[in-house]
Amino acid sequence: MSKKETFKTKNTSPGHMEYSLLYHIVIPFALSALVVILVTIIAEKYGTKTGGVIGTLPSTIIIAFLFIAVDKGVQFATDAVVIVPAEMGINLVFLLLFALLSPKNIPIALVGSLLGWTALTVLLYASSISSIVVSLSVFIFCFLLTLFILDKKKKITSQNSIQVHYTPLKLLGRSIIAGTVIAIAVTLSNVGTTLSGIFSVFPAIFLSTMIICMREHGARFTGAMAKGMIYGSPSVVSYAVGIYFLYPLIGIALGTIGSFLIGLIVTVILLRLRKKIR
């Protein structure tokens, strides 16, 4: 049997199916549910600036690219991660649109922000960006633009802690919303280099967090949370850039650890500077 045939047989085995289920459903669902619960609780207890920064710590992108690299190889993962900074920039536009539309209602905010995300993502996919520098430039432009609009034009101010009575049912509802959205996103994150990069940073954490904030706290808190997550977004981008340079140099395991440390350092810096944001 040829190597290619062996690979095909391996991919259809029960063991591979269990591995695929674990990767595509179980781990993303559990991790994202935990992240969103923690993010919303931190925002409610310590304010939207702190919650936004903590909420953008590298989380699902770690799982996505770890398994992409293991399944497809380091070169595939490195090629896929090039698009991530630019796509994160589009995710910030998603947050901006949701915040601007949130005074209407959840369906309008959800549909409007997702339509904007889809249109910009299609344009990004068609552009075939192959340079990490160009991708970073797109992110920086979107970061400055969205933060400027929410902070200076709309004058959205950060929200302090609010009183919330937590129940098992409330936390279960948050986890189901987050887990379902992200499990679908990760399932689509292993299809082609560019699409893998795009879906690895699909705004699932952002989307589920916005819906939860809107349902439970209203438009004002949602807008403040959106601004906080925009402010914290450089941590995810720094992780992606770390992968781009470290995976080929030191391998998947050490590259993942090194990239996470880079993202963690950026997060600490953002936390220390957060008082400069209104």
C-alpha atoms as a PDB file:
ATOM      1  CA  MET A   1       0.000   0.000   0.000  1.00  0.00           C
ATOM      2  CA  SER A   2       1.350   3.401  -0.956  1.00  0.00           C
ATOM      3  CA  LYS A   3       1.996   6.172   1.533  1.00  0.00           C
ATOM      4  CA  LYS A   4      -0.881   8.165   0.054  1.00  0.00           C
ATOM      5  CA  GLU A   5      -3.279   5.227   0.428  1.00  0.00           C
ATOM      6  CA  THR A   6      -2.105   4.685   3.995  1.00  0.00           C
ATOM      7  CA  PHE A   7      -2.838   8.324   4.758  1.00  0.00           C
ATOM      8  CA  LYS A   8      -6.355   8.019   3.356  1.00  0.00           C
ATOM      9  CA  THR A   9      -7.020   4.864   5.362  1.00  0.00           C
ATOM     10  CA  LYS A  10      -5.756   6.577   8.484  1.00  0.00           C
ATOM     11  CA  ASN A  11      -8.075   9.528   7.941  1.00  0.00           C
ATOM     12  CA  THR A  12     -11.176   7.316   7.819  1.00  0.00           C
ATOM     13  CA  SER A  13     -10.310   5.213  10.854  1.00  0.00           C
ATOM     14  CA  PRO A  14     -12.379   5.402  14.061  1.00  0.00           C
ATOM     15  CA  GLY A  15      -9.347   6.820  15.873  1.00  0.00           C
ATOM     16  CA  HIS A  16      -9.095   9.690  13.414  1.00  0.00           C
ATOM     17  CA  MET A  17     -12.829  10.355  13.663  1.00  0.00           C
ATOM     18  CA  GLU A  18     -12.540  10.559  17.464  1.00  0.00           C
ATOM     19  CA  TYR A  19      -9.551  12.897  17.096  1.00  0.00           C
ATOM     20  CA  SER A  20     -11.489  15.056  14.628  1.00  0.00           C
ATOM     21  CA  LEU A  21     -14.506  15.201  16.961  1.00  0.00           C
ATOM     22  CA  LEU A  22     -12.238  16.181  19.855  1.00  0.00           C
ATOM     23  CA  TYR A  23     -10.539  18.891  17.807  1.00  0.00           C
ATOM     24  CA  HIS A  24     -13.556  20.295  15.961  1.00  0.00           C
ATOM     25  CA  ILE A  25     -16.220  20.103  18.660  1.00  0.00           C
ATOM     26  CA  VAL A  26     -15.200  19.189  22.202  1.00  0.00           C
ATOM     27  CA  ILE A  27     -12.066  21.299  22.802  1.00  0.00           C
ATOM     28  CA  PRO A  28     -13.306  24.465  21.008  1.00  0.00           C
ATOM     29  CA  PHE A  29     -16.702  24.249  22.732  1.00  0.00           C
ATOM     30  CA  ALA A  30     -15.226  23.797  26.212  1.00  0.00           C
ATOM     31  CA  LEU A  31     -12.449  26.380  25.782  1.00  0.00           C
ATOM     32  CA  SER A  32     -14.633  29.061  24.239  1.00  0.00           C
ATOM     33  CA  ALA A  33     -17.388  28.549  26.798  1.00  0.00           C
ATOM     34  CA  LEU A  34     -14.842  29.007  29.583  1.00  0.00           C
ATOM     35  CA  VAL A  35     -13.277  32.076  27.932  1.00  0.00           C
ATOM     36  CA  VAL A  36     -16.573  33.880  27.328  1.00  0.00           C
ATOM     37  CA  ILE A  37     -17.860  33.143  30.835  1.00  0.00           C
ATOM     38  CA  LEU A  38     -14.626  34.509  32.324  1.00  0.00           C
ATOM     39  CA  VAL A  39     -14.579  37.540  30.018  1.00  0.00           C
ATOM     40  CA  THR A  40     -18.142  38.576  30.803  1.00  0.00           C
ATOM     41  CA  ILE A  41     -17.720  37.999  34.542  1.00  0.00           C
ATOM     42  CA  ILE A  42     -14.445  39.983  34.616  1.00  0.00           C
ATOM     43  CA  ALA A  43     -16.078  42.820  32.654  1.00  0.00           C
ATOM     44  CA  GLU A  44     -19.035  42.834  35.033  1.00  0.00           C
ATOM     45  CA  LYS A  45     -16.848  42.811  38.143  1.00  0.00           C
ATOM     46  CA  TYR A  46     -13.870  44.942  37.080  1.00  0.00           C
ATOM     47  CA  GLY A  47     -15.152  47.029  34.164  1.00  0.00           C
ATOM     48  CA  THR A  48     -15.142  46.792  30.380  1.00  0.00           C
ATOM     49  CA  LYS A  49     -11.528  47.927  29.889  1.00  0.00           C
ATOM     50  CA  THR A  50     -10.135  45.060  31.954  1.00  0.00           C
ATOM     51  CA  GLY A  51     -12.673  42.600  30.552  1.00  0.00           C
ATOM     52  CA  GLY A  52     -11.898  43.644  26.987  1.00  0.00           C
ATOM     53  CA  VAL A  53      -8.143  43.186  27.406  1.00  0.00           C
ATOM     54  CA  ILE A  54      -8.469  39.824  29.169  1.00  0.00           C
ATOM     55  CA  GLY A  55     -11.035  38.741  26.586  1.00  0.00           C
ATOM     56  CA  THR A  56      -8.580  39.181  23.736  1.00  0.00           C
ATOM     57  CA  LEU A  57      -5.867  37.023  25.252  1.00  0.00           C
ATOM     58  CA  PRO A  58      -4.922  34.354  22.664  1.00  0.00           C
ATOM     59  CA  SER A  59      -7.255  31.409  23.276  1.00  0.00           C
ATOM     60  CA  THR A  60      -9.104  29.729  20.405  1.00  0.00           C
ATOM     61  CA  ILE A  61      -6.395  30.778  17.930  1.00  0.00           C
ATOM     62  CA  ILE A  62      -3.952  28.650  19.928  1.00  0.00           C
ATOM     63  CA  ILE A  63      -6.084  25.534  19.524  1.00  0.00           C
ATOM     64  CA  ALA A  64      -6.881  26.277  15.875  1.00  0.00           C
ATOM     65  CA  PHE A  65      -3.274  26.767  14.737  1.00  0.00           C
ATOM     66  CA  LEU A  66      -1.892  24.022  16.939  1.00  0.00           C
ATOM     67  CA  PHE A  67      -4.112  21.466  15.218  1.00  0.00           C
ATOM     68  CA  ILE A  68      -3.691  23.074  11.796  1.00  0.00           C
ATOM     69  CA  ALA A  69       0.096  22.732  12.177  1.00  0.00           C
ATOM     70  CA  VAL A  70      -0.156  19.139  13.400  1.00  0.00           C
ATOM     71  CA  ASP A  71      -2.612  18.156  10.634  1.00  0.00           C
ATOM     72  CA  LYS A  72      -1.182  20.121   7.710  1.00  0.00           C
ATOM     73  CA  GLY A  73       2.388  20.926   8.685  1.00  0.00           C
ATOM     74  CA  VAL A  74       4.366  23.977   9.755  1.00  0.00           C
ATOM     75  CA  GLN A  75       4.534  25.498   6.271  1.00  0.00           C
ATOM     76  CA  PHE A  76       0.751  25.347   5.855  1.00  0.00           C
ATOM     77  CA  ALA A  77       0.227  26.951   9.268  1.00  0.00           C
ATOM     78  CA  THR A  78       2.790  29.664   8.537  1.00  0.00           C
ATOM     79  CA  ASP A  79       1.151  30.472   5.201  1.00  0.00           C
ATOM     80  CA  ALA A  80      -2.300  30.499   6.817  1.00  0.00           C
ATOM     81  CA  VAL A  81      -1.326  32.839   9.653  1.00  0.00           C
ATOM     82  CA  VAL A  82      -0.261  35.610   7.241  1.00  0.00           C
ATOM     83  CA  ILE A  83      -3.891  36.658   6.777  1.00  0.00           C
ATOM     84  CA  VAL A  84      -4.696  36.688  10.515  1.00  0.00           C
ATOM     85  CA  PRO A  85      -3.673  40.293  11.378  1.00  0.00           C
ATOM     86  CA  ALA A  86      -5.706  41.673   8.457  1.00  0.00           C
ATOM     87  CA  GLU A  87      -8.694  39.497   9.363  1.00  0.00           C
ATOM     88  CA  MET A  88      -8.427  40.648  12.976  1.00  0.00           C
ATOM     89  CA  GLY A  89      -8.685  44.180  11.620  1.00  0.00           C
ATOM     90  CA  ILE A  90     -11.961  43.209   9.952  1.00  0.00           C
ATOM     91  CA  ASN A  91     -13.094  41.678  13.250  1.00  0.00           C
ATOM     92  CA  LEU A  92     -12.615  45.101  14.826  1.00  0.00           C
ATOM     93  CA  VAL A  93     -14.917  46.558  12.176  1.00  0.00           C
ATOM     94  CA  PHE A  94     -17.406  43.849  13.180  1.00  0.00           C
ATOM     95  CA  LEU A  95     -17.214  45.094  16.787  1.00  0.00           C
ATOM     96  CA  LEU A  96     -17.601  48.694  15.638  1.00  0.00           C
ATOM     97  CA  LEU A  97     -20.707  47.896  13.583  1.00  0.00           C
ATOM     98  CA  PHE A  98     -22.275  45.865  16.390  1.00  0.00           C
ATOM     99  CA  ALA A  99     -21.657  48.698  18.853  1.00  0.00           C
ATOM    100  CA  LEU A 100     -23.101  51.323  16.500  1.00  0.00           C
ATOM    101  CA  LEU A 101     -26.187  49.214  15.729  1.00  0.00           C
ATOM    102  CA  SER A 102     -26.778  47.928  19.261  1.00  0.00           C
ATOM    103  CA  PRO A 103     -29.165  50.792  20.210  1.00  0.00           C
ATOM    104  CA  LYS A 104     -31.589  49.283  17.645  1.00  0.00           C
ATOM    105  CA  ASN A 105     -31.879  45.653  18.762  1.00  0.00           C
ATOM    106  CA  ILE A 106     -29.929  42.387  18.733  1.00  0.00           C
ATOM    107  CA  PRO A 107     -31.138  41.078  15.318  1.00  0.00           C
ATOM    108  CA  ILE A 108     -30.267  44.335  13.526  1.00  0.00           C
ATOM    109  CA  ALA A 109     -26.879  44.589  15.260  1.00  0.00           C
ATOM    110  CA  LEU A 110     -26.131  40.933  14.539  1.00  0.00           C
ATOM    111  CA  VAL A 111     -27.166  40.962  10.881  1.00  0.00           C
ATOM    112  CA  GLY A 112     -25.544  44.324  10.139  1.00  0.00           C
ATOM    113  CA  SER A 113     -22.214  43.450  11.747  1.00  0.00           C
ATOM    114  CA  LEU A 114     -22.053  39.994  10.146  1.00  0.00           C
ATOM    115  CA  LEU A 115     -22.914  41.401   6.710  1.00  0.00           C
ATOM    116  CA  GLY A 116     -20.132  43.953   7.102  1.00  0.00           C
ATOM    117  CA  TRP A 117     -17.722  41.244   8.246  1.00  0.00           C
ATOM    118  CA  THR A 118     -18.668  38.986   5.332  1.00  0.00           C
ATOM    119  CA  ALA A 119     -18.296  41.711   2.696  1.00  0.00           C
ATOM    120  CA  LEU A 120     -14.884  42.807   3.969  1.00  0.00           C
ATOM    121  CA  THR A 121     -13.715  39.212   4.380  1.00  0.00           C
ATOM    122  CA  VAL A 122     -14.658  38.417   0.767  1.00  0.00           C
ATOM    123  CA  LEU A 123     -12.624  41.432  -0.369  1.00  0.00           C
ATOM    124  CA  LEU A 124      -9.722  40.334   1.815  1.00  0.00           C
ATOM    125  CA  TYR A 125      -9.868  36.791   0.434  1.00  0.00           C
ATOM    126  CA  ALA A 126      -9.919  38.121  -3.123  1.00  0.00           C
ATOM    127  CA  SER A 127      -6.899  40.333  -2.429  1.00  0.00           C
ATOM    128  CA  SER A 128      -4.684  37.271  -1.798  1.00  0.00           C
ATOM    129  CA  ILE A 129      -2.454  38.990   0.764  1.00  0.00           C
ATOM    130  CA  SER A 130       0.832  37.099   1.050  1.00  0.00           C
ATOM    131  CA  SER A 131       2.882  39.573   3.100  1.00  0.00           C
ATOM    132  CA  ILE A 132       2.760  39.706   6.895  1.00  0.00           C
ATOM    133  CA  VAL A 133       3.756  43.391   6.689  1.00  0.00           C
ATOM    134  CA  VAL A 134       0.760  44.261   4.500  1.00  0.00           C
ATOM    135  CA  SER A 135      -1.511  42.221   6.755  1.00  0.00           C
ATOM    136  CA  LEU A 136      -0.219  44.048   9.839  1.00  0.00           C
ATOM    137  CA  SER A 137      -0.738  47.390   8.094  1.00  0.00           C
ATOM    138  CA  VAL A 138      -4.403  46.532   7.494  1.00  0.00           C
ATOM    139  CA  PHE A 139      -4.814  45.654  11.176  1.00  0.00           C
ATOM    140  CA  ILE A 140      -3.150  48.856  12.398  1.00  0.00           C
ATOM    141  CA  PHE A 141      -5.377  50.968  10.137  1.00  0.00           C
ATOM    142  CA  CYS A 142      -8.555  49.220  11.351  1.00  0.00           C
ATOM    143  CA  PHE A 143      -7.396  49.376  14.978  1.00  0.00           C
ATOM    144  CA  LEU A 144      -6.793  53.130  14.903  1.00  0.00           C
ATOM    145  CA  LEU A 145      -9.954  53.846  12.892  1.00  0.00           C
ATOM    146  CA  THR A 146     -12.378  51.815  15.029  1.00  0.00           C
ATOM    147  CA  LEU A 147     -10.914  53.002  18.330  1.00  0.00           C
ATOM    148  CA  PHE A 148     -11.026  56.614  17.122  1.00  0.00           C
ATOM    149  CA  ILE A 149     -14.683  56.360  16.070  1.00  0.00           C
ATOM    150  CA  LEU A 150     -15.886  54.786  19.321  1.00  0.00           C
ATOM    151  CA  ASP A 151     -13.695  56.855  21.635  1.00  0.00           C
ATOM    152  CA  LYS A 152     -13.544  60.270  19.969  1.00  0.00           C
ATOM    153  CA  LYS A 153     -16.553  60.475  17.640  1.00  0.00           C
ATOM    154  CA  LYS A 154     -19.166  58.471  19.548  1.00  0.00           C
ATOM    155  CA  LYS A 155     -17.564  59.259  22.910  1.00  0.00           C
ATOM    156  CA  ILE A 156     -18.327  55.813  24.292  1.00  0.00           C
ATOM    157  CA  THR A 157     -16.937  55.617  27.805  1.00  0.00           C
ATOM    158  CA  SER A 158     -15.786  52.487  29.588  1.00  0.00           C
ATOM    159  CA  GLN A 159     -18.212  51.007  32.092  1.00  0.00           C
ATOM    160  CA  ASN A 160     -17.307  50.140  35.660  1.00  0.00           C
ATOM    161  CA  SER A 161     -18.422  47.054  37.549  1.00  0.00           C
ATOM    162  CA  ILE A 162     -22.099  46.194  37.717  1.00  0.00           C
ATOM    163  CA  GLN A 163     -24.055  44.011  40.106  1.00  0.00           C
ATOM    164  CA  VAL A 164     -25.005  40.647  38.615  1.00  0.00           C
ATOM    165  CA  HIS A 165     -26.589  37.654  40.331  1.00  0.00           C
ATOM    166  CA  TYR A 166     -24.971  34.585  38.779  1.00  0.00           C
ATOM    167  CA  THR A 167     -26.979  31.378  38.528  1.00  0.00           C
ATOM    168  CA  PRO A 168     -26.024  28.005  36.995  1.00  0.00           C
ATOM    169  CA  LEU A 169     -28.663  28.573  34.304  1.00  0.00           C
ATOM    170  CA  LYS A 170     -27.219  31.993  33.384  1.00  0.00           C
ATOM    171  CA  LEU A 171     -23.680  30.580  33.099  1.00  0.00           C
ATOM    172  CA  LEU A 172     -24.953  27.561  31.137  1.00  0.00           C
ATOM    173  CA  GLY A 173     -26.698  29.872  28.682  1.00  0.00           C
ATOM    174  CA  ARG A 174     -23.508  31.873  28.151  1.00  0.00           C
ATOM    175  CA  SER A 175     -21.455  28.713  27.597  1.00  0.00           C
ATOM    176  CA  ILE A 176     -23.911  27.272  25.053  1.00  0.00           C
ATOM    177  CA  ILE A 177     -23.960  30.489  22.994  1.00  0.00           C
ATOM    178  CA  ALA A 178     -20.165  30.759  22.947  1.00  0.00           C
ATOM    179  CA  GLY A 179     -19.405  27.062  22.491  1.00  0.00           C
ATOM    180  CA  THR A 180     -21.777  26.574  19.574  1.00  0.00           C
ATOM    181  CA  VAL A 181     -20.515  29.590  17.624  1.00  0.00           C
ATOM    182  CA  ILE A 182     -16.850  28.685  18.052  1.00  0.00           C
ATOM    183  CA  ALA A 183     -17.232  24.955  17.402  1.00  0.00           C
ATOM    184  CA  ILE A 184     -18.680  25.849  13.991  1.00  0.00           C
ATOM    185  CA  ALA A 185     -15.865  28.330  13.304  1.00  0.00           C
ATOM    186  CA  VAL A 186     -13.095  25.852  14.175  1.00  0.00           C
ATOM    187  CA  THR A 187     -14.760  23.166  12.044  1.00  0.00           C
ATOM    188  CA  LEU A 188     -14.296  25.498   9.065  1.00  0.00           C
ATOM    189  CA  SER A 189     -10.719  26.439   9.977  1.00  0.00           C
ATOM    190  CA  ASN A 190      -8.929  23.561   8.265  1.00  0.00           C
ATOM    191  CA  VAL A 191      -9.897  23.969   4.617  1.00  0.00           C
ATOM    192  CA  GLY A 192      -7.216  25.944   2.742  1.00  0.00           C
ATOM    193  CA  THR A 193      -4.358  28.206   3.751  1.00  0.00           C
ATOM    194  CA  THR A 194      -6.180  31.526   3.404  1.00  0.00           C
ATOM    195  CA  LEU A 195      -9.564  30.240   4.591  1.00  0.00           C
ATOM    196  CA  SER A 196      -7.904  28.459   7.517  1.00  0.00           C
ATOM    197  CA  GLY A 197      -6.383  31.744   8.618  1.00  0.00           C
ATOM    198  CA  ILE A 198      -9.696  33.566   8.214  1.00  0.00           C
ATOM    199  CA  PHE A 199     -11.826  31.075  10.135  1.00  0.00           C
ATOM    200  CA  SER A 200      -9.201  30.598  12.855  1.00  0.00           C
ATOM    201  CA  VAL A 201      -9.971  34.180  13.925  1.00  0.00           C
ATOM    202  CA  PHE A 202     -13.671  34.261  13.044  1.00  0.00           C
ATOM    203  CA  PRO A 203     -15.108  36.743  15.586  1.00  0.00           C
ATOM    204  CA  ALA A 204     -16.803  33.986  17.577  1.00  0.00           C
ATOM    205  CA  ILE A 205     -15.627  35.199  20.997  1.00  0.00           C
ATOM    206  CA  PHE A 206     -16.540  38.753  19.982  1.00  0.00           C
ATOM    207  CA  LEU A 207     -19.923  37.672  18.616  1.00  0.00           C
ATOM    208  CA  SER A 208     -20.967  35.619  21.628  1.00  0.00           C
ATOM    209  CA  THR A 209     -19.684  38.268  24.060  1.00  0.00           C
ATOM    210  CA  MET A 210     -21.607  41.022  22.256  1.00  0.00           C
ATOM    211  CA  ILE A 211     -24.837  39.004  22.264  1.00  0.00           C
ATOM    212  CA  ILE A 212     -24.510  38.210  25.976  1.00  0.00           C
ATOM    213  CA  CYS A 213     -23.705  41.832  26.884  1.00  0.00           C
ATOM    214  CA  MET A 214     -26.588  43.109  24.776  1.00  0.00           C
ATOM    215  CA  ARG A 215     -29.109  40.641  26.193  1.00  0.00           C
ATOM    216  CA  GLU A 216     -28.135  41.189  29.810  1.00  0.00           C
ATOM    217  CA  HIS A 217     -26.831  44.775  30.041  1.00  0.00           C
ATOM    218  CA  GLY A 218     -28.030  46.799  27.060  1.00  0.00           C
ATOM    219  CA  ALA A 219     -26.457  48.912  24.320  1.00  0.00           C
ATOM    220  CA  ARG A 220     -24.332  51.196  26.505  1.00  0.00           C
ATOM    221  CA  PHE A 221     -22.445  48.354  28.184  1.00  0.00           C
ATOM    222  CA  THR A 222     -22.152  46.542  24.831  1.00  0.00           C
ATOM    223  CA  GLY A 223     -20.534  49.564  23.167  1.00  0.00           C
ATOM    224  CA  ALA A 224     -18.087  49.944  26.047  1.00  0.00           C
ATOM    225  CA  MET A 225     -17.236  46.245  25.867  1.00  0.00           C
ATOM    226  CA  ALA A 226     -16.661  46.513  22.112  1.00  0.00           C
ATOM    227  CA  LYS A 227     -14.225  49.391  22.676  1.00  0.00           C
ATOM    228  CA  GLY A 228     -12.422  47.404  25.369  1.00  0.00           C
ATOM    229  CA  MET A 229     -12.006  44.380  23.090  1.00  0.00           C
ATOM    230  CA  ILE A 230     -10.764  46.568  20.239  1.00  0.00           C
ATOM    231  CA  TYR A 231      -8.182  48.040  22.605  1.00  0.00           C
ATOM    232  CA  GLY A 232      -7.062  44.555  23.679  1.00  0.00           C
ATOM    233  CA  SER A 233      -6.851  43.066  20.164  1.00  0.00           C
ATOM    234  CA  PRO A 234      -3.061  43.572  19.631  1.00  0.00           C
ATOM    235  CA  SER A 235      -2.427  40.578  21.909  1.00  0.00           C
ATOM    236  CA  VAL A 236      -4.017  38.151  19.426  1.00  0.00           C
ATOM    237  CA  VAL A 237      -2.186  39.752  16.513  1.00  0.00           C
ATOM    238  CA  SER A 238       1.144  39.536  18.349  1.00  0.00           C
ATOM    239  CA  TYR A 239       0.492  35.814  18.893  1.00  0.00           C
ATOM    240  CA  ALA A 240      -0.136  35.353  15.160  1.00  0.00           C
ATOM    241  CA  VAL A 241       3.059  37.203  14.250  1.00  0.00           C
ATOM    242  CA  GLY A 242       4.901  35.043  16.771  1.00  0.00           C
ATOM    243  CA  ILE A 243       3.649  31.899  15.034  1.00  0.00           C
ATOM    244  CA  TYR A 244       4.755  33.249  11.653  1.00  0.00           C
ATOM    245  CA  PHE A 245       8.356  33.633  12.789  1.00  0.00           C
ATOM    246  CA  LEU A 246       8.718  30.991  15.517  1.00  0.00           C
ATOM    247  CA  TYR A 247       7.037  27.902  14.023  1.00  0.00           C
ATOM    248  CA  PRO A 248       9.647  27.548  11.234  1.00  0.00           C
ATOM    249  CA  LEU A 249      12.513  28.328  13.654  1.00  0.00           C
ATOM    250  CA  ILE A 250      11.779  26.257  16.761  1.00  0.00           C
ATOM    251  CA  GLY A 251       8.863  24.001  15.871  1.00  0.00           C
ATOM    252  CA  ILE A 252       5.224  23.719  16.868  1.00  0.00           C
ATOM    253  CA  ALA A 253       5.486  23.132  20.629  1.00  0.00           C
ATOM    254  CA  LEU A 254       8.123  25.744  21.459  1.00  0.00           C
ATOM    255  CA  GLY A 255       6.709  28.094  18.833  1.00  0.00           C
ATOM    256  CA  THR A 256       3.288  27.927  20.489  1.00  0.00           C
ATOM    257  CA  ILE A 257       4.747  28.586  23.939  1.00  0.00           C
ATOM    258  CA  GLY A 258       6.946  31.418  22.673  1.00  0.00           C
ATOM    259  CA  SER A 259       4.088  33.044  20.761  1.00  0.00           C
ATOM    260  CA  PHE A 260       1.807  32.832  23.796  1.00  0.00           C
ATOM    261  CA  LEU A 261       4.462  34.517  25.943  1.00  0.00           C
ATOM    262  CA  ILE A 262       4.660  37.319  23.381  1.00  0.00           C
ATOM    263  CA  GLY A 263       0.879  37.700  23.487  1.00  0.00           C
ATOM    264  CA  LEU A 264       0.952  37.642  27.286  1.00  0.00           C
ATOM    265  CA  ILE A 265       3.575  40.408  27.419  1.00  0.00           C
ATOM    266  CA  VAL A 266       1.475  42.554  25.077  1.00  0.00           C
ATOM    267  CA  THR A 267      -1.576  41.912  27.281  1.00  0.00           C
ATOM    268  CA  VAL A 268       0.298  43.008  30.409  1.00  0.00           C
ATOM    269  CA  ILE A 269       1.400  46.211  28.645  1.00  0.00           C
ATOM    270  CA  LEU A 270      -2.179  46.914  27.545  1.00  0.00           C
ATOM    271  CA  LEU A 271      -3.460  46.339  31.080  1.00  0.00           C
ATOM    272  CA  ARG A 272      -0.938  48.817  32.459  1.00  0.00           C
ATOM    273  CA  LEU A 273      -1.891  51.426  29.852  1.00  0.00           C
ATOM    274  CA  ARG A 274      -5.669  50.907  30.016  1.00  0.00           C
ATOM    275  CA  LYS A 275      -6.220  53.891  32.330  1.00  0.00           C
ATOM    276  CA  LYS A 276      -5.340  56.177  29.426  1.00  0.00           C
ATOM    277  CA  ILE A 277      -8.508  55.004  27.657  1.00  0.00           C
ATOM    278  CA  ARG A 278     -11.773  56.672  28.713  1.00  0.00           C
END
